[in-house]
Amino acid sequence: MASGGRSELKMRPSAPPIALPAQGRGDLLDLTLEVFQPRTDRVLTREDAREMVENVTGLFGLLAKWERKARGKPLPGTEGDE
């Protein structure tokens, strides 16, 4: 098990390609499970999917923050705070 009591995921390198549904169809957590379940041997839960979405959202938020900082533009509502 990895730190924090979680089991490590073993990723399958040859999972089939993903066919994304038309915009506005399906639930984000269901789509997340559909994308990632074929790539692991462990059965994923909706809580796993929620955590994945939260982590990806945080990653892109951090990337946006770094981009704005690199361009010298403060984040909205932060007045340039770190």
Protein backbone atom coordinates (compact mmCIF):
# COMPACT_ATOMS: atom_id res chain seq x y z
CA MET A 1 0.00 0.00 0.00
CA ALA A 2 1.06 3.58 -0.63
CA SER A 3 1.30 6.16 2.11
CA GLY A 4 -2.00 7.21 3.64
CA GLY A 5 -3.43 3.69 3.58
CA ARG A 6 -4.29 3.73 -0.12
CA SER A 7 -3.44 0.89 -2.44
CA GLU A 8 -1.32 1.74 -5.44
CA LEU A 9 -2.96 1.58 -8.85
CA LYS A 10 -1.35 -0.58 -11.50
CA MET A 11 -1.91 1.07 -14.86
CA ARG A 12 -2.44 -1.02 -17.97
CA PRO A 13 -0.50 0.49 -20.86
CA SER A 14 -2.71 -0.93 -23.61
CA ALA A 15 -6.19 0.22 -22.60
CA PRO A 16 -8.58 0.86 -25.50
CA PRO A 17 -9.07 4.43 -26.74
CA ILE A 18 -11.84 6.49 -25.14
CA ALA A 19 -14.95 7.51 -27.05
CA LEU A 20 -16.16 10.66 -25.33
CA PRO A 21 -19.90 11.29 -25.23
CA ALA A 22 -21.44 14.32 -26.92
CA GLN A 23 -21.19 17.48 -24.85
CA GLY A 24 -23.78 17.68 -22.10
CA ARG A 25 -24.36 13.92 -21.91
CA GLY A 26 -23.39 11.73 -19.02
CA ASP A 27 -22.19 12.42 -15.53
CA LEU A 28 -18.59 13.57 -14.97
CA LEU A 29 -17.92 10.88 -12.38
CA ASP A 30 -19.36 8.18 -14.63
CA LEU A 31 -17.21 9.41 -17.51
CA THR A 32 -14.13 9.46 -15.25
CA LEU A 33 -14.79 5.84 -14.26
CA GLU A 34 -15.32 4.89 -17.91
CA VAL A 35 -11.97 6.44 -18.84
CA PHE A 36 -9.86 5.06 -16.01
CA GLN A 37 -11.42 1.69 -15.12
CA PRO A 38 -10.02 -0.14 -18.17
CA ARG A 39 -6.56 1.08 -17.17
CA THR A 40 -6.37 -0.53 -13.73
CA ASP A 41 -6.92 -3.93 -12.14
CA ARG A 42 -8.54 -2.39 -9.04
CA VAL A 43 -12.28 -1.70 -9.06
CA LEU A 44 -12.70 2.08 -8.94
CA THR A 45 -15.48 3.72 -6.95
CA ARG A 46 -17.35 6.99 -7.47
CA GLU A 47 -15.27 8.34 -4.58
CA ASP A 48 -12.12 7.43 -6.53
CA ALA A 49 -13.56 9.26 -9.55
CA ARG A 50 -14.46 12.30 -7.43
CA GLU A 51 -10.91 12.42 -6.09
CA MET A 52 -9.47 12.12 -9.61
CA VAL A 53 -11.60 15.02 -10.82
CA GLU A 54 -10.62 17.10 -7.78
CA ASN A 55 -6.91 16.38 -8.36
CA VAL A 56 -7.06 17.23 -12.07
CA THR A 57 -8.98 20.41 -11.31
CA GLY A 58 -6.35 21.39 -8.74
CA LEU A 59 -3.55 20.65 -11.20
CA PHE A 60 -5.03 22.88 -13.89
CA GLY A 61 -5.74 25.59 -11.30
CA LEU A 62 -2.09 25.51 -10.27
CA LEU A 63 -0.92 25.60 -13.89
CA ALA A 64 -3.16 28.62 -14.52
CA LYS A 65 -1.76 30.34 -11.43
CA TRP A 66 1.82 29.75 -12.58
CA GLU A 67 0.98 30.99 -16.08
CA ARG A 68 -0.56 34.20 -14.77
CA LYS A 69 2.35 34.72 -12.41
CA ALA A 70 4.81 34.21 -15.28
CA ARG A 71 2.93 36.82 -17.31
CA GLY A 72 2.79 39.23 -14.36
CA LYS A 73 -1.01 39.13 -14.05
CA PRO A 74 -2.59 38.60 -10.59
CA LEU A 75 -5.26 35.96 -10.17
CA PRO A 76 -8.81 37.32 -10.00
CA GLY A 77 -9.71 38.17 -6.41
CA THR A 78 -6.18 37.80 -5.05
CA GLU A 79 -4.78 41.26 -5.70
CA GLY A 80 -1.49 39.56 -6.52
CA ASP A 81 -1.26 37.50 -3.30
CA GLU A 82 0.83 34.32 -3.46
